[in-house]
Amino acid sequence: METTMFSFPHHQTLTLSKPYNNQFLFKPIRTRPNFIRAAISRTKKEETVETVKTHLENCHLLAAIKYTGFTVKQFQDLRRSLPENTRLLVAKNTLVYKAIEGTKWEALKPCMKGMNAWLFVLTEEIPASLKPYRDFQKEKKLDGNDFTGAVFEGKFYGPDDFKALESMPTRAEIYAKVLGALQSPAMGLVSTLQAPARDIIMVLKAYVQKLEEEQGQ
């Protein structure tokens, strides 16, 4: 029996045998080179970075949650408990940082240690978006899995600063406050204008919307 060896360094080696009737029989000897695994890994990393960037396009707040100790079931239950205007992603710190580097979200750098799950809040209603995790944390007794930090309006909030985020007024409360101030004496308006820039913007939006609705009637 004649046997000839052909080497294909990029993917496999074939053994050609001529057992009978001058017909070649191919016997592939398959291998899994390291460069294939490396290419797959690189592709997955690039996809993760792009996913983070996509979530950030309409994001108002990005928070990190300590992920160590979560079971698969707990993570699935948590995802189901979150509102539709949030996204939860588990990704390596290095990949998340690559996506936020050079942006206002880079302020989240202090959280780039340990294992984190990343919560993307895609609405201005910050307290209502954070509350479901607080409820889940309390129900499952996950005291050790707290928020490790967040970025809102380009500012970093550490674990001890979350009360400020969780006690922010709702949009409806801000609208009521602004509209009331616009109809009150000048001192009331001055007091409102001393509020944070975010509140003033929301107030003006509410007033413009009110005028548009009145003109449309």
Protein backbone atom coordinates (compact mmCIF):
# COMPACT_ATOMS: atom_id res chain seq x y z
CA MET A 1 0.00 0.00 0.00
CA GLU A 2 1.39 3.38 -1.00
CA THR A 3 0.98 6.26 1.44
CA THR A 4 1.76 9.92 0.87
CA MET A 5 1.68 12.64 3.57
CA PHE A 6 0.47 16.19 2.81
CA SER A 7 0.90 18.82 5.50
CA PHE A 8 -1.55 21.73 5.86
CA PRO A 9 -0.11 23.85 8.68
CA HIS A 10 -3.09 26.19 8.95
CA HIS A 11 -5.76 23.71 9.93
CA GLN A 12 -5.11 19.98 9.49
CA THR A 13 -2.98 17.14 8.09
CA LEU A 14 -4.34 14.72 5.50
CA THR A 15 -3.24 11.14 5.00
CA LEU A 16 -3.79 9.88 1.44
CA SER A 17 -3.92 6.11 0.93
CA LYS A 18 -4.36 4.14 -2.31
CA PRO A 19 -5.91 0.88 -1.11
CA TYR A 20 -7.50 -0.29 -4.36
CA ASN A 21 -8.65 0.70 -7.87
CA ASN A 22 -6.35 3.72 -7.85
CA GLN A 23 -8.89 5.53 -5.67
CA PHE A 24 -7.48 7.85 -3.03
CA LEU A 25 -8.91 7.65 0.44
CA PHE A 26 -8.52 10.81 2.50
CA LYS A 27 -7.99 10.35 6.20
CA PRO A 28 -8.07 13.77 7.86
CA ILE A 29 -6.21 14.14 11.11
CA ARG A 30 -7.91 17.15 12.67
CA THR A 31 -6.18 19.53 14.99
CA ARG A 32 -7.33 22.65 16.89
CA PRO A 33 -4.50 25.15 16.62
CA ASN A 34 -4.16 27.73 19.37
CA PHE A 35 -4.56 30.59 16.92
CA ILE A 36 -8.16 29.50 16.19
CA ARG A 37 -9.07 29.62 19.87
CA ALA A 38 -7.32 32.98 20.17
CA ALA A 39 -9.29 34.37 17.23
CA ILE A 40 -12.59 33.23 18.74
CA SER A 41 -11.67 34.74 22.09
CA ARG A 42 -10.69 38.04 20.45
CA THR A 43 -13.99 38.15 18.55
CA LYS A 44 -15.99 37.62 21.75
CA LYS A 45 -14.07 40.39 23.48
CA GLU A 46 -14.73 42.79 20.61
CA GLU A 47 -18.44 41.90 20.69
CA THR A 48 -18.57 42.62 24.44
CA VAL A 49 -16.95 46.03 23.98
CA GLU A 50 -19.44 46.89 21.23
CA THR A 51 -22.35 45.74 23.41
CA VAL A 52 -21.21 48.08 26.20
CA LYS A 53 -20.90 50.98 23.77
CA THR A 54 -24.39 50.28 22.42
CA HIS A 55 -25.92 50.27 25.92
CA LEU A 56 -24.19 53.58 26.67
CA GLU A 57 -25.77 55.38 23.72
CA ASN A 58 -28.99 56.14 25.63
CA CYS A 59 -27.65 55.59 29.13
CA HIS A 60 -28.30 58.05 31.96
CA LEU A 61 -26.51 56.13 34.71
CA LEU A 62 -24.01 53.27 34.74
CA ALA A 63 -23.55 51.38 37.99
CA ALA A 64 -21.30 48.52 39.07
CA ILE A 65 -22.60 45.75 41.34
CA LYS A 66 -20.33 43.34 43.19
CA TYR A 67 -20.92 40.07 41.38
CA THR A 68 -18.82 37.64 43.44
CA GLY A 69 -20.93 34.87 44.97
CA PHE A 70 -23.96 35.17 42.69
CA THR A 71 -25.45 31.87 41.59
CA VAL A 72 -26.74 31.41 38.05
CA LYS A 73 -30.32 31.24 39.33
CA GLN A 74 -29.91 34.42 41.38
CA PHE A 75 -28.57 36.25 38.35
CA GLN A 76 -31.48 35.03 36.20
CA ASP A 77 -33.99 36.05 38.87
CA LEU A 78 -32.35 39.47 39.13
CA ARG A 79 -32.60 40.06 35.40
CA ARG A 80 -36.29 39.20 35.45
CA SER A 81 -36.89 41.60 38.34
CA LEU A 82 -35.38 44.63 36.60
CA PRO A 83 -37.52 47.13 34.65
CA GLU A 84 -37.41 47.20 30.85
CA ASN A 85 -35.49 50.46 30.81
CA THR A 86 -32.39 48.87 32.36
CA ARG A 87 -29.77 46.46 31.05
CA LEU A 88 -27.64 44.10 33.13
CA LEU A 89 -24.36 42.77 31.80
CA VAL A 90 -21.54 40.70 33.28
CA ALA A 91 -18.26 41.61 31.62
CA LYS A 92 -14.59 41.86 32.52
CA ASN A 93 -13.43 45.18 33.91
CA THR A 94 -10.81 45.51 31.19
CA LEU A 95 -13.42 45.22 28.43
CA VAL A 96 -15.81 47.69 30.06
CA TYR A 97 -12.98 50.15 30.60
CA LYS A 98 -11.97 49.83 26.96
CA ALA A 99 -15.51 50.84 25.98
CA ILE A 100 -15.70 53.84 28.34
CA GLU A 101 -12.14 55.11 28.01
CA GLY A 102 -12.05 58.70 26.83
CA THR A 103 -15.75 59.28 27.58
CA LYS A 104 -17.62 60.81 30.51
CA TRP A 105 -18.13 57.26 31.81
CA GLU A 106 -14.41 56.89 32.44
CA ALA A 107 -15.09 58.32 35.90
CA LEU A 108 -16.17 54.77 36.78
CA LYS A 109 -12.50 53.71 36.85
CA PRO A 110 -12.44 53.22 40.68
CA CYS A 111 -14.82 50.26 40.17
CA MET A 112 -12.43 48.43 37.86
CA LYS A 113 -11.47 45.75 40.35
CA GLY A 114 -12.98 42.48 41.51
CA MET A 115 -15.96 40.94 39.69
CA ASN A 116 -18.75 43.28 38.63
CA ALA A 117 -22.15 43.14 37.02
CA TRP A 118 -22.93 46.36 35.13
CA LEU A 119 -26.30 48.06 35.36
CA PHE A 120 -27.20 50.44 32.53
CA VAL A 121 -30.10 52.78 33.36
CA LEU A 122 -31.75 54.00 30.15
CA THR A 123 -34.15 56.46 31.75
CA GLU A 124 -34.08 59.68 33.74
CA GLU A 125 -36.07 57.98 36.51
CA ILE A 126 -32.97 56.99 38.49
CA PRO A 127 -34.49 56.03 41.89
CA ALA A 128 -37.16 53.82 40.31
CA SER A 129 -34.46 52.03 38.30
CA LEU A 130 -32.21 51.37 41.31
CA LYS A 131 -34.98 50.27 43.68
CA PRO A 132 -35.58 46.82 42.08
CA TYR A 133 -32.00 45.82 42.83
CA ARG A 134 -32.27 47.08 46.40
CA ASP A 135 -35.43 45.02 46.84
CA PHE A 136 -33.76 41.95 45.30
CA GLN A 137 -30.67 42.44 47.46
CA LYS A 138 -32.79 42.56 50.60
CA GLU A 139 -34.99 39.61 49.61
CA LYS A 140 -32.05 37.34 48.77
CA LYS A 141 -29.97 38.61 51.72
CA LEU A 142 -27.13 39.70 49.46
CA ASP A 143 -25.74 42.36 51.75
CA GLY A 144 -22.25 41.74 50.44
CA ASN A 145 -23.29 42.34 46.85
CA ASP A 146 -23.71 46.08 47.03
CA PHE A 147 -23.21 48.78 44.43
CA THR A 148 -19.48 49.46 44.13
CA GLY A 149 -20.02 52.76 42.33
CA ALA A 150 -21.85 54.60 39.58
CA VAL A 151 -21.48 57.48 37.16
CA PHE A 152 -24.29 59.97 36.68
CA GLU A 153 -23.92 63.15 34.63
CA GLY A 154 -20.17 62.54 34.45
CA LYS A 155 -19.78 62.39 38.24
CA PHE A 156 -18.62 59.35 40.20
CA TYR A 157 -20.77 58.16 43.10
CA GLY A 158 -19.20 55.75 45.57
CA PRO A 159 -21.14 53.21 47.66
CA ASP A 160 -21.70 55.81 50.39
CA ASP A 161 -23.13 58.30 47.89
CA PHE A 162 -25.99 56.17 46.60
CA LYS A 163 -28.52 57.70 48.97
CA ALA A 164 -28.28 60.88 46.91
CA LEU A 165 -29.13 58.94 43.74
CA GLU A 166 -31.88 56.88 45.35
CA SER A 167 -33.59 59.92 46.88
CA MET A 168 -33.66 62.07 43.75
CA PRO A 169 -37.10 63.50 42.94
CA THR A 170 -39.10 61.83 40.20
CA ARG A 171 -39.84 63.60 36.95
CA ALA A 172 -43.44 64.23 38.05
CA GLU A 173 -42.23 65.82 41.29
CA ILE A 174 -39.82 68.07 39.42
CA TYR A 175 -42.51 69.10 36.93
CA ALA A 176 -44.87 70.00 39.75
CA LYS A 177 -42.18 71.99 41.53
CA VAL A 178 -41.22 73.90 38.39
CA LEU A 179 -44.72 74.67 37.24
CA GLY A 180 -45.60 75.80 40.73
CA ALA A 181 -42.56 78.08 40.83
CA LEU A 182 -43.40 79.60 37.45
CA GLN A 183 -46.83 80.54 38.76
CA SER A 184 -45.53 81.82 42.10
CA PRO A 185 -43.92 85.16 43.07
CA ALA A 186 -40.43 85.97 41.80
CA MET A 187 -38.70 84.69 44.96
CA GLY A 188 -40.06 81.25 44.31
CA LEU A 189 -38.64 81.27 40.78
CA VAL A 190 -35.24 82.45 42.05
CA SER A 191 -35.21 79.58 44.52
CA THR A 192 -35.94 77.11 41.74
CA LEU A 193 -33.18 78.50 39.55
CA GLN A 194 -30.71 77.76 42.32
CA ALA A 195 -31.41 74.05 41.92
CA PRO A 196 -28.94 71.74 40.07
CA ALA A 197 -28.65 72.19 36.31
CA ARG A 198 -30.38 68.88 35.64
CA ASP A 199 -33.49 69.99 37.55
CA ILE A 200 -33.61 73.31 35.72
CA ILE A 201 -33.44 71.60 32.34
CA MET A 202 -36.27 69.25 33.29
CA VAL A 203 -38.27 72.23 34.53
CA LEU A 204 -37.88 74.08 31.27
CA LYS A 205 -38.80 70.96 29.32
CA ALA A 206 -41.94 70.61 31.38
CA TYR A 207 -42.91 74.23 30.86
CA VAL A 208 -42.37 74.04 27.09
CA GLN A 209 -44.40 70.84 26.94
CA LYS A 210 -47.21 72.50 28.88
CA LEU A 211 -47.25 75.47 26.48
CA GLU A 212 -47.30 73.16 23.46
CA GLU A 213 -50.20 71.20 24.89
CA GLU A 214 -52.15 74.38 25.57
CA GLN A 215 -51.54 75.65 22.04
CA GLY A 216 -52.65 72.33 20.60
CA GLN A 217 -56.02 72.48 22.33
